[in-house]
C-alpha atoms as a PDB file:
ATOM      1  CA  MET A   1     -70.388 167.121  46.109  1.00  0.00           C
ATOM      2  CA  LYS A   2     -68.778 164.634  48.098  1.00  0.00           C
ATOM      3  CA  GLY A   3     -66.695 161.137  46.544  1.00  0.00           C
ATOM      4  CA  LEU A   4     -63.505 159.077  47.059  1.00  0.00           C
ATOM      5  CA  VAL A   5     -60.297 159.056  44.993  1.00  0.00           C
ATOM      6  CA  ILE A   6     -59.880 155.901  43.103  1.00  0.00           C
ATOM      7  CA  LYS A   7     -56.975 156.685  40.802  1.00  0.00           C
ATOM      8  CA  ASN A   8     -53.740 159.262  41.138  1.00  0.00           C
ATOM      9  CA  THR A   9     -52.000 160.112  37.688  1.00  0.00           C
ATOM     10  CA  GLY A  10     -50.025 162.835  38.840  1.00  0.00           C
ATOM     11  CA  SER A  11     -51.467 165.485  38.170  1.00  0.00           C
ATOM     12  CA  TRP A  12     -55.230 164.547  37.665  1.00  0.00           C
ATOM     13  CA  TYR A  13     -57.144 162.662  39.859  1.00  0.00           C
ATOM     14  CA  THR A  14     -60.306 160.199  39.341  1.00  0.00           C
ATOM     15  CA  VAL A  15     -63.087 160.937  42.007  1.00  0.00           C
ATOM     16  CA  LEU A  16     -65.701 158.438  42.173  1.00  0.00           C
ATOM     17  CA  THR A  17     -68.668 160.349  43.475  1.00  0.00           C
ATOM     18  CA  GLU A  18     -71.742 158.954  45.281  1.00  0.00           C
ATOM     19  CA  ASP A  19     -74.184 158.376  42.913  1.00  0.00           C
ATOM     20  CA  GLY A  20     -71.561 156.435  40.881  1.00  0.00           C
ATOM     21  CA  LEU A  21     -69.878 159.122  37.948  1.00  0.00           C
ATOM     22  CA  THR A  22     -66.243 159.198  38.092  1.00  0.00           C
ATOM     23  CA  VAL A  23     -65.187 162.645  37.329  1.00  0.00           C
ATOM     24  CA  ASP A  24     -61.610 163.888  36.591  1.00  0.00           C
ATOM     25  CA  SER A  25     -60.144 166.149  39.173  1.00  0.00           C
ATOM     26  CA  LYS A  26     -57.460 169.086  40.219  1.00  0.00           C
ATOM     27  CA  ILE A  27     -56.240 170.450  43.140  1.00  0.00           C
ATOM     28  CA  LYS A  28     -57.002 173.857  43.745  1.00  0.00           C
ATOM     29  CA  GLY A  29     -53.720 175.745  44.204  1.00  0.00           C
ATOM     30  CA  ASN A  30     -54.246 176.423  48.091  1.00  0.00           C
ATOM     31  CA  PHE A  31     -53.345 172.823  49.086  1.00  0.00           C
ATOM     32  CA  ARG A  32     -49.754 173.459  48.652  1.00  0.00           C
ATOM     33  CA  LEU A  33     -49.994 176.384  50.775  1.00  0.00           C
ATOM     34  CA  LYS A  34     -50.858 174.872  54.047  1.00  0.00           C
ATOM     35  CA  GLY A  35     -47.686 173.144  55.034  1.00  0.00           C
ATOM     36  CA  ILE A  36     -49.005 169.555  53.807  1.00  0.00           C
ATOM     37  CA  ARG A  37     -45.278 168.848  53.449  1.00  0.00           C
ATOM     38  CA  SER A  38     -45.992 165.687  50.874  1.00  0.00           C
ATOM     39  CA  THR A  39     -45.188 164.833  47.213  1.00  0.00           C
ATOM     40  CA  ASN A  40     -49.080 164.297  46.813  1.00  0.00           C
ATOM     41  CA  PRO A  41     -50.876 165.855  49.087  1.00  0.00           C
ATOM     42  CA  VAL A  42     -54.114 163.950  48.343  1.00  0.00           C
ATOM     43  CA  ALA A  43     -54.069 160.009  48.163  1.00  0.00           C
ATOM     44  CA  VAL A  44     -55.972 157.019  46.436  1.00  0.00           C
ATOM     45  CA  GLY A  45     -58.552 156.815  49.074  1.00  0.00           C
ATOM     46  CA  ASP A  46     -58.983 160.067  50.193  1.00  0.00           C
ATOM     47  CA  HIS A  47     -62.641 161.169  50.642  1.00  0.00           C
ATOM     48  CA  VAL A  48     -62.635 164.200  49.711  1.00  0.00           C
ATOM     49  CA  GLU A  49     -65.033 167.579  48.438  1.00  0.00           C
ATOM     50  CA  ILE A  50     -65.147 168.540  44.592  1.00  0.00           C
ATOM     51  CA  VAL A  51     -67.062 171.180  42.497  1.00  0.00           C
ATOM     52  CA  ARG A  52     -67.469 170.687  39.106  1.00  0.00           C
ATOM     53  CA  ASN A  53     -67.061 172.962  36.368  1.00  0.00           C
ATOM     54  CA  GLN A  54     -68.521 173.669  32.565  1.00  0.00           C
ATOM     55  CA  GLU A  55     -65.774 171.188  31.345  1.00  0.00           C
ATOM     56  CA  GLY A  56     -67.366 168.690  33.259  1.00  0.00           C
ATOM     57  CA  THR A  57     -63.888 168.204  35.537  1.00  0.00           C
ATOM     58  CA  ALA A  58     -63.537 169.495  38.867  1.00  0.00           C
ATOM     59  CA  PHE A  59     -61.550 170.894  41.741  1.00  0.00           C
ATOM     60  CA  ILE A  60     -60.667 168.967  44.575  1.00  0.00           C
ATOM     61  CA  THR A  61     -61.596 171.769  47.297  1.00  0.00           C
ATOM     62  CA  GLN A  62     -61.320 169.765  50.821  1.00  0.00           C
ATOM     63  CA  ILE A  63     -60.100 166.606  51.995  1.00  0.00           C
ATOM     64  CA  ASP A  64     -62.012 164.593  54.972  1.00  0.00           C
ATOM     65  CA  ASP A  65     -59.742 163.114  57.981  1.00  0.00           C
ATOM     66  CA  ARG A  66     -57.976 160.091  57.583  1.00  0.00           C
ATOM     67  CA  ARG A  67     -58.471 156.732  59.818  1.00  0.00           C
ATOM     68  CA  ASN A  68     -55.175 155.834  58.901  1.00  0.00           C
ATOM     69  CA  TYR A  69     -52.444 155.625  55.610  1.00  0.00           C
ATOM     70  CA  ILE A  70     -49.399 154.144  54.548  1.00  0.00           C
ATOM     71  CA  ILE A  71     -46.634 157.186  53.734  1.00  0.00           C
ATOM     72  CA  ARG A  72     -42.830 156.281  52.716  1.00  0.00           C
ATOM     73  CA  LYS A  73     -40.302 159.323  52.489  1.00  0.00           C
ATOM     74  CA  SER A  74     -39.662 160.542  49.177  1.00  0.00           C
ATOM     75  CA  SER A  75     -37.346 159.356  47.172  1.00  0.00           C
ATOM     76  CA  ASN A  76     -35.782 161.959  45.596  1.00  0.00           C
ATOM     77  CA  LEU A  77     -37.079 164.639  48.258  1.00  0.00           C
ATOM     78  CA  SER A  78     -35.634 163.520  51.468  1.00  0.00           C
ATOM     79  CA  LYS A  79     -37.822 166.651  53.349  1.00  0.00           C
ATOM     80  CA  GLN A  80     -40.741 165.308  51.943  1.00  0.00           C
ATOM     81  CA  SER A  81     -43.221 162.181  51.973  1.00  0.00           C
ATOM     82  CA  HIS A  82     -45.158 160.043  49.579  1.00  0.00           C
ATOM     83  CA  ILE A  83     -48.421 159.059  50.906  1.00  0.00           C
ATOM     84  CA  ILE A  84     -49.311 155.520  49.134  1.00  0.00           C
ATOM     85  CA  ALA A  85     -52.712 155.372  50.139  1.00  0.00           C
ATOM     86  CA  ALA A  86     -54.998 156.161  52.626  1.00  0.00           C
ATOM     87  CA  ASN A  87     -57.877 155.058  54.948  1.00  0.00           C
ATOM     88  CA  VAL A  88     -57.414 151.031  54.220  1.00  0.00           C
ATOM     89  CA  ASP A  89     -58.285 148.581  56.101  1.00  0.00           C
ATOM     90  CA  GLN A  90     -55.266 145.823  55.472  1.00  0.00           C
ATOM     91  CA  ALA A  91     -52.259 145.869  53.443  1.00  0.00           C
ATOM     92  CA  CYS A  92     -50.871 143.127  51.356  1.00  0.00           C
ATOM     93  CA  LEU A  93     -46.933 142.561  50.830  1.00  0.00           C
ATOM     94  CA  VAL A  94     -46.285 140.837  47.863  1.00  0.00           C
ATOM     95  CA  VAL A  95     -42.697 139.374  48.375  1.00  0.00           C
ATOM     96  CA  THR A  96     -40.518 136.573  46.755  1.00  0.00           C
ATOM     97  CA  ILE A  97     -38.057 134.224  48.023  1.00  0.00           C
ATOM     98  CA  ASN A  98     -36.242 134.795  44.477  1.00  0.00           C
ATOM     99  CA  TYR A  99     -37.045 135.621  41.010  1.00  0.00           C
ATOM    100  CA  PRO A 100     -36.223 138.575  42.583  1.00  0.00           C
ATOM    101  CA  GLU A 101     -35.423 138.005  46.179  1.00  0.00           C
ATOM    102  CA  THR A 102     -37.062 140.300  48.299  1.00  0.00           C
ATOM    103  CA  SER A 103     -34.821 141.679  51.771  1.00  0.00           C
ATOM    104  CA  THR A 104     -35.704 141.153  54.778  1.00  0.00           C
ATOM    105  CA  THR A 105     -35.104 144.651  55.405  1.00  0.00           C
ATOM    106  CA  PHE A 106     -37.353 145.935  53.138  1.00  0.00           C
ATOM    107  CA  ILE A 107     -40.158 143.436  54.583  1.00  0.00           C
ATOM    108  CA  ASP A 108     -39.398 144.662  58.018  1.00  0.00           C
ATOM    109  CA  ARG A 109     -39.617 148.799  56.692  1.00  0.00           C
ATOM    110  CA  PHE A 110     -42.849 148.380  54.980  1.00  0.00           C
ATOM    111  CA  LEU A 111     -43.994 146.170  58.705  1.00  0.00           C
ATOM    112  CA  ALA A 112     -42.934 148.806  60.715  1.00  0.00           C
ATOM    113  CA  SER A 113     -44.289 151.991  58.750  1.00  0.00           C
ATOM    114  CA  ALA A 114     -47.647 150.050  58.255  1.00  0.00           C
ATOM    115  CA  GLU A 115     -47.249 149.448  62.394  1.00  0.00           C
ATOM    116  CA  ALA A 116     -46.816 153.381  63.333  1.00  0.00           C
ATOM    117  CA  TYR A 117     -50.183 154.344  61.340  1.00  0.00           C
ATOM    118  CA  SER A 118     -52.013 150.994  62.576  1.00  0.00           C
ATOM    119  CA  VAL A 119     -52.519 149.250  58.864  1.00  0.00           C
ATOM    120  CA  PRO A 120     -52.956 145.564  59.387  1.00  0.00           C
ATOM    121  CA  VAL A 121     -50.539 143.863  57.120  1.00  0.00           C
ATOM    122  CA  ILE A 122     -50.630 140.242  54.811  1.00  0.00           C
ATOM    123  CA  LEU A 123     -47.293 139.357  53.454  1.00  0.00           C
ATOM    124  CA  VAL A 124     -47.959 137.119  50.448  1.00  0.00           C
ATOM    125  CA  PHE A 125     -45.138 134.953  49.436  1.00  0.00           C
ATOM    126  CA  ASN A 126     -45.362 134.659  45.399  1.00  0.00           C
ATOM    127  CA  LYS A 127     -44.045 132.738  42.634  1.00  0.00           C
ATOM    128  CA  THR A 128     -44.151 129.426  45.243  1.00  0.00           C
ATOM    129  CA  ASP A 129     -44.315 127.635  41.577  1.00  0.00           C
ATOM    130  CA  ARG A 130     -40.452 128.641  40.840  1.00  0.00           C
ATOM    131  CA  LEU A 131     -38.793 127.538  43.790  1.00  0.00           C
ATOM    132  CA  ASP A 132     -36.642 124.593  44.068  1.00  0.00           C
ATOM    133  CA  ALA A 133     -36.370 122.448  47.492  1.00  0.00           C
ATOM    134  CA  ASP A 134     -33.786 124.902  48.675  1.00  0.00           C
ATOM    135  CA  GLU A 135     -36.095 128.300  48.451  1.00  0.00           C
ATOM    136  CA  LEU A 136     -39.210 126.460  49.774  1.00  0.00           C
ATOM    137  CA  HIS A 137     -37.239 125.479  53.135  1.00  0.00           C
ATOM    138  CA  LEU A 138     -36.533 129.304  53.274  1.00  0.00           C
ATOM    139  CA  GLN A 139     -39.499 130.431  52.983  1.00  0.00           C
ATOM    140  CA  GLU A 140     -41.261 128.311  55.419  1.00  0.00           C
ATOM    141  CA  MET A 141     -38.619 129.404  57.859  1.00  0.00           C
ATOM    142  CA  MET A 142     -39.903 132.780  57.105  1.00  0.00           C
ATOM    143  CA  ILE A 143     -43.468 132.496  56.801  1.00  0.00           C
ATOM    144  CA  THR A 144     -42.614 131.008  60.280  1.00  0.00           C
ATOM    145  CA  LEU A 145     -40.443 133.735  61.845  1.00  0.00           C
ATOM    146  CA  TYR A 146     -43.264 136.291  60.529  1.00  0.00           C
ATOM    147  CA  GLU A 147     -46.459 134.155  62.021  1.00  0.00           C
ATOM    148  CA  THR A 148     -44.459 133.823  65.023  1.00  0.00           C
ATOM    149  CA  ILE A 149     -44.381 137.681  65.577  1.00  0.00           C
ATOM    150  CA  GLY A 150     -47.852 137.755  64.497  1.00  0.00           C
ATOM    151  CA  TYR A 151     -48.107 138.459  61.325  1.00  0.00           C
ATOM    152  CA  THR A 152     -50.657 136.774  58.548  1.00  0.00           C
ATOM    153  CA  CYS A 153     -48.488 134.763  55.639  1.00  0.00           C
ATOM    154  CA  VAL A 154     -50.321 133.436  52.487  1.00  0.00           C
ATOM    155  CA  ALA A 155     -47.887 131.600  50.163  1.00  0.00           C
ATOM    156  CA  LEU A 156     -49.027 131.533  46.519  1.00  0.00           C
ATOM    157  CA  SER A 157     -48.529 131.298  42.987  1.00  0.00           C
ATOM    158  CA  ALA A 158     -50.471 133.876  40.686  1.00  0.00           C
ATOM    159  CA  VAL A 159     -49.418 131.706  37.665  1.00  0.00           C
ATOM    160  CA  THR A 160     -50.987 128.278  38.651  1.00  0.00           C
ATOM    161  CA  GLY A 161     -53.583 129.868  41.020  1.00  0.00           C
ATOM    162  CA  GLU A 162     -52.391 127.825  44.053  1.00  0.00           C
ATOM    163  CA  GLY A 163     -52.873 129.297  47.365  1.00  0.00           C
ATOM    164  CA  VAL A 164     -55.117 132.245  45.682  1.00  0.00           C
ATOM    165  CA  ASP A 165     -58.567 131.244  47.683  1.00  0.00           C
ATOM    166  CA  ARG A 166     -57.108 132.021  50.715  1.00  0.00           C
ATOM    167  CA  LEU A 167     -56.191 135.143  49.704  1.00  0.00           C
ATOM    168  CA  GLU A 168     -59.329 135.841  48.717  1.00  0.00           C
ATOM    169  CA  GLU A 169     -61.400 135.081  51.963  1.00  0.00           C
ATOM    170  CA  LEU A 170     -58.563 137.614  53.781  1.00  0.00           C
ATOM    171  CA  LEU A 171     -59.340 140.349  51.040  1.00  0.00           C
ATOM    172  CA  LYS A 172     -63.314 140.160  51.005  1.00  0.00           C
ATOM    173  CA  ASP A 173     -65.162 143.362  51.859  1.00  0.00           C
ATOM    174  CA  LYS A 174     -61.780 145.242  52.773  1.00  0.00           C
ATOM    175  CA  ILE A 175     -60.354 148.212  51.418  1.00  0.00           C
ATOM    176  CA  THR A 176     -56.857 146.905  51.170  1.00  0.00           C
ATOM    177  CA  LEU A 177     -53.475 148.184  49.707  1.00  0.00           C
ATOM    178  CA  PHE A 178     -51.212 146.691  47.537  1.00  0.00           C
ATOM    179  CA  SER A 179     -47.415 147.344  47.421  1.00  0.00           C
ATOM    180  CA  GLY A 180     -44.003 144.830  46.903  1.00  0.00           C
ATOM    181  CA  ASN A 181     -40.583 145.635  44.805  1.00  0.00           C
ATOM    182  CA  SER A 182     -41.095 145.957  40.827  1.00  0.00           C
ATOM    183  CA  GLY A 183     -40.966 142.355  39.598  1.00  0.00           C
ATOM    184  CA  VAL A 184     -42.143 140.453  42.481  1.00  0.00           C
ATOM    185  CA  GLY A 185     -45.445 139.468  40.403  1.00  0.00           C
ATOM    186  CA  LYS A 186     -48.086 142.042  41.987  1.00  0.00           C
ATOM    187  CA  SER A 187     -49.807 143.037  38.621  1.00  0.00           C
ATOM    188  CA  THR A 188     -50.334 139.247  37.644  1.00  0.00           C
ATOM    189  CA  LEU A 189     -52.151 138.459  41.049  1.00  0.00           C
ATOM    190  CA  LEU A 190     -53.958 141.257  41.101  1.00  0.00           C
ATOM    191  CA  ASN A 191     -55.044 140.085  37.126  1.00  0.00           C
ATOM    192  CA  ARG A 192     -55.891 136.607  38.403  1.00  0.00           C
ATOM    193  CA  LEU A 193     -57.774 138.193  41.349  1.00  0.00           C
ATOM    194  CA  ILE A 194     -60.068 140.977  39.366  1.00  0.00           C
ATOM    195  CA  PRO A 195     -60.411 139.085  35.888  1.00  0.00           C
ATOM    196  CA  GLY A 196     -60.794 141.313  32.753  1.00  0.00           C
ATOM    197  CA  VAL A 197     -58.552 144.043  34.346  1.00  0.00           C
ATOM    198  CA  GLN A 198     -55.441 143.375  32.445  1.00  0.00           C
ATOM    199  CA  LEU A 199     -52.811 145.168  34.577  1.00  0.00           C
ATOM    200  CA  ARG A 200     -49.529 145.191  32.360  1.00  0.00           C
ATOM    201  CA  THR A 201     -46.979 142.983  33.210  1.00  0.00           C
ATOM    202  CA  ALA A 202     -43.599 142.743  32.772  1.00  0.00           C
ATOM    203  CA  GLU A 203     -40.567 140.307  32.364  1.00  0.00           C
ATOM    204  CA  ILE A 204     -37.739 140.342  35.391  1.00  0.00           C
ATOM    205  CA  SER A 205     -34.338 141.625  34.251  1.00  0.00           C
ATOM    206  CA  ASP A 206     -32.426 138.399  33.423  1.00  0.00           C
ATOM    207  CA  ALA A 207     -28.711 140.198  33.986  1.00  0.00           C
ATOM    208  CA  HIS A 208     -29.939 141.518  37.587  1.00  0.00           C
ATOM    209  CA  ASN A 209     -32.686 139.539  38.777  1.00  0.00           C
ATOM    210  CA  THR A 210     -34.849 142.905  39.213  1.00  0.00           C
ATOM    211  CA  GLY A 211     -38.230 144.064  38.258  1.00  0.00           C
ATOM    212  CA  MET A 212     -38.915 146.663  36.012  1.00  0.00           C
ATOM    213  CA  HIS A 213     -41.724 149.116  37.184  1.00  0.00           C
ATOM    214  CA  THR A 214     -45.274 148.477  34.995  1.00  0.00           C
ATOM    215  CA  THR A 215     -47.870 150.468  36.991  1.00  0.00           C
ATOM    216  CA  THR A 216     -46.689 153.995  37.308  1.00  0.00           C
ATOM    217  CA  PHE A 217     -49.603 155.264  38.945  1.00  0.00           C
ATOM    218  CA  SER A 218     -52.050 154.089  41.977  1.00  0.00           C
ATOM    219  CA  GLU A 219     -55.460 153.197  41.563  1.00  0.00           C
ATOM    220  CA  MET A 220     -58.556 151.075  43.782  1.00  0.00           C
ATOM    221  CA  LEU A 221     -60.260 148.433  41.451  1.00  0.00           C
ATOM    222  CA  ARG A 222     -62.739 146.735  42.846  1.00  0.00           C
ATOM    223  CA  LEU A 223     -63.008 143.248  43.280  1.00  0.00           C
ATOM    224  CA  PRO A 224     -65.170 140.645  42.292  1.00  0.00           C
ATOM    225  CA  PHE A 225     -65.878 139.249  45.336  1.00  0.00           C
ATOM    226  CA  GLY A 226     -66.175 142.508  47.612  1.00  0.00           C
ATOM    227  CA  GLY A 227     -63.743 144.916  48.193  1.00  0.00           C
ATOM    228  CA  TRP A 228     -61.079 147.128  46.845  1.00  0.00           C
ATOM    229  CA  ALA A 229     -57.435 146.828  45.703  1.00  0.00           C
ATOM    230  CA  ILE A 230     -55.333 149.412  45.969  1.00  0.00           C
ATOM    231  CA  ASP A 231     -52.264 148.903  43.285  1.00  0.00           C
ATOM    232  CA  THR A 232     -49.722 151.105  43.515  1.00  0.00           C
ATOM    233  CA  PRO A 233     -46.457 151.137  41.745  1.00  0.00           C
ATOM    234  CA  GLY A 234     -43.454 148.899  42.711  1.00  0.00           C
ATOM    235  CA  ILE A 235     -41.063 150.936  45.287  1.00  0.00           C
ATOM    236  CA  LYS A 236     -37.041 149.686  45.334  1.00  0.00           C
ATOM    237  CA  GLY A 237     -36.593 150.979  48.729  1.00  0.00           C
ATOM    238  CA  PHE A 238     -38.705 151.810  51.060  1.00  0.00           C
ATOM    239  CA  GLY A 239     -37.324 155.046  53.296  1.00  0.00           C
ATOM    240  CA  THR A 240     -39.133 155.683  56.903  1.00  0.00           C
ATOM    241  CA  PHE A 241     -40.704 159.175  57.755  1.00  0.00           C
ATOM    242  CA  ASP A 242     -41.326 161.244  60.453  1.00  0.00           C
ATOM    243  CA  MET A 243     -40.627 158.597  63.674  1.00  0.00           C
ATOM    244  CA  GLU A 244     -37.748 159.388  66.143  1.00  0.00           C
ATOM    245  CA  PRO A 245     -35.196 156.880  67.036  1.00  0.00           C
ATOM    246  CA  GLU A 246     -36.986 155.679  70.596  1.00  0.00           C
ATOM    247  CA  GLU A 247     -39.744 155.066  68.695  1.00  0.00           C
ATOM    248  CA  ILE A 248     -38.501 152.715  66.458  1.00  0.00           C
ATOM    249  CA  CYS A 249     -38.170 149.606  68.786  1.00  0.00           C
ATOM    250  CA  HIS A 250     -42.192 150.167  69.161  1.00  0.00           C
ATOM    251  CA  TYR A 251     -42.992 149.170  65.989  1.00  0.00           C
ATOM    252  CA  PHE A 252     -41.422 145.854  66.053  1.00  0.00           C
ATOM    253  CA  ARG A 253     -43.440 143.860  68.133  1.00  0.00           C
ATOM    254  CA  GLU A 254     -40.977 141.242  69.489  1.00  0.00           C
ATOM    255  CA  ILE A 255     -38.422 143.944  70.187  1.00  0.00           C
ATOM    256  CA  PHE A 256     -40.947 146.114  72.141  1.00  0.00           C
ATOM    257  CA  LYS A 257     -42.465 143.527  73.899  1.00  0.00           C
ATOM    258  CA  THR A 258     -38.692 142.364  74.828  1.00  0.00           C
ATOM    259  CA  SER A 259     -37.542 146.106  75.867  1.00  0.00           C
ATOM    260  CA  ALA A 260     -39.734 145.983  78.630  1.00  0.00           C
ATOM    261  CA  LYS A 261     -37.269 143.587  80.827  1.00  0.00           C
ATOM    262  CA  CYS A 262     -34.498 146.008  80.009  1.00  0.00           C
ATOM    263  CA  ARG A 263     -32.302 147.326  82.922  1.00  0.00           C
ATOM    264  CA  PHE A 264     -32.754 150.826  81.533  1.00  0.00           C
ATOM    265  CA  GLY A 265     -35.975 152.669  80.550  1.00  0.00           C
ATOM    266  CA  ASN A 266     -34.367 154.632  77.881  1.00  0.00           C
ATOM    267  CA  CYS A 267     -32.525 151.615  76.701  1.00  0.00           C
ATOM    268  CA  THR A 268     -31.765 152.075  72.817  1.00  0.00           C
ATOM    269  CA  HIS A 269     -30.510 148.032  72.400  1.00  0.00           C
ATOM    270  CA  THR A 270     -27.607 148.888  70.812  1.00  0.00           C
ATOM    271  CA  HIS A 271     -24.926 148.894  73.739  1.00  0.00           C
ATOM    272  CA  GLU A 272     -26.286 149.108  77.110  1.00  0.00           C
ATOM    273  CA  PRO A 273     -25.798 146.803  79.872  1.00  0.00           C
ATOM    274  CA  GLY A 274     -28.327 144.995  80.863  1.00  0.00           C
ATOM    275  CA  CYS A 275     -30.385 144.673  77.509  1.00  0.00           C
ATOM    276  CA  ALA A 276     -33.204 142.121  77.437  1.00  0.00           C
ATOM    277  CA  VAL A 277     -33.424 143.018  73.338  1.00  0.00           C
ATOM    278  CA  ILE A 278     -29.741 141.979  72.898  1.00  0.00           C
ATOM    279  CA  GLN A 279     -30.072 138.700  75.434  1.00  0.00           C
ATOM    280  CA  ALA A 280     -32.580 137.706  73.391  1.00  0.00           C
ATOM    281  CA  VAL A 281     -31.361 138.081  69.968  1.00  0.00           C
ATOM    282  CA  GLU A 282     -28.312 136.039  71.034  1.00  0.00           C
ATOM    283  CA  ASP A 283     -30.299 133.552  72.508  1.00  0.00           C
ATOM    284  CA  HIS A 284     -32.202 133.460  69.108  1.00  0.00           C
ATOM    285  CA  TYR A 285     -35.837 134.471  70.771  1.00  0.00           C
ATOM    286  CA  ILE A 286     -35.279 137.505  68.556  1.00  0.00           C
ATOM    287  CA  ALA A 287     -34.336 136.742  64.562  1.00  0.00           C
ATOM    288  CA  GLN A 288     -31.121 138.458  63.821  1.00  0.00           C
ATOM    289  CA  SER A 289     -32.480 139.646  61.041  1.00  0.00           C
ATOM    290  CA  ARG A 290     -35.084 141.586  62.662  1.00  0.00           C
ATOM    291  CA  TYR A 291     -32.973 143.296  64.826  1.00  0.00           C
ATOM    292  CA  ASN A 292     -30.405 144.205  61.762  1.00  0.00           C
ATOM    293  CA  SER A 293     -33.362 145.944  60.579  1.00  0.00           C
ATOM    294  CA  TYR A 294     -33.617 147.515  63.591  1.00  0.00           C
ATOM    295  CA  LEU A 295     -30.601 148.914  63.594  1.00  0.00           C
ATOM    296  CA  ASN A 296     -30.771 149.725  59.830  1.00  0.00           C
ATOM    297  CA  MET A 297     -33.737 152.279  60.026  1.00  0.00           C
ATOM    298  CA  LEU A 298     -31.353 153.516  63.749  1.00  0.00           C
ATOM    299  CA  ASP A 299     -28.856 154.529  61.165  1.00  0.00           C
ATOM    300  CA  ASP A 300     -31.448 156.110  58.904  1.00  0.00           C
ATOM    301  CA  LYS A 301     -32.005 158.628  61.446  1.00  0.00           C
ATOM    302  CA  GLU A 302     -28.304 159.134  62.095  1.00  0.00           C
ATOM    303  CA  GLU A 303     -27.099 159.904  58.508  1.00  0.00           C
ATOM    304  CA  GLY A 304     -30.679 161.859  58.318  1.00  0.00           C
ATOM    305  CA  LYS A 305     -31.033 160.566  54.736  1.00  0.00           C
ATOM    306  CA  TYR A 306     -33.362 158.549  52.675  1.00  0.00           C
ATOM    307  CA  ARG A 307     -31.733 155.217  51.680  1.00  0.00           C
ATOM    308  CA  ALA A 308     -32.933 151.964  49.834  1.00  0.00           C
ATOM    309  CA  ALA A 309     -33.234 148.759  50.955  1.00  0.00           C
ATOM    310  CA  TYR A 310     -31.419 146.550  49.074  1.00  0.00           C
END
């Protein structure tokens, strides 16, 4: 029997079968013996084959080939990956200028990983209703930066609903992964997009202006206007996985485009004479924040370990 994995609670998976049933399923033990270096060999969004048993539950016996996935390094097992979701049309990264502040390092790591696995990203700037004039100006500058690179950006307030209609248009009939730091209002936004879903939300920690985890597992939620949203736990850091140092610049669109003009074909864009990327940073054609993120990811490779974005 074929089905779609719509929820992952750690040891159990909820599979939506082709005839509309939901079946609690487990992995057959041999999945863990096939050399899959992942903390979760089956991910939400996977198309699978299941075999029902007498108890009414099932075993997942096969995973269909994935067309893409979003992956990050497991934060506590540096040699393993964690697949956030599979077979998505796009990802929404929910970010906030403040309450809490999302770092550009975190944004750029997410964008680079999505580029590596061919997943388009929409940057959703939430909590516009809470920003003062200076913060709104900073948000406008960040939106201009990322739109210039080629990313779709939406500014909205999940609380007041301002700007949400534009996001709905972008989500219609698509499978969209929702991700972001804890506390950026992802659950509040999904509650507005899907009336009645009632996802749990939490207040920001006033002491540290950081979010607290409310979602503890990944789940696919049907959107009332067509399509699916994949809700994922808030993540504090985004460790990149399985990238060679020479590949990293490929996943920064404007750096890769500029690198064609470098004097040396194997330029690392860190110190070489005739480096077009360094020159573009000095001339402000490439944002310093993006270049810093690129260097930050190169540092990951040198250290050989996971490092959380701030």
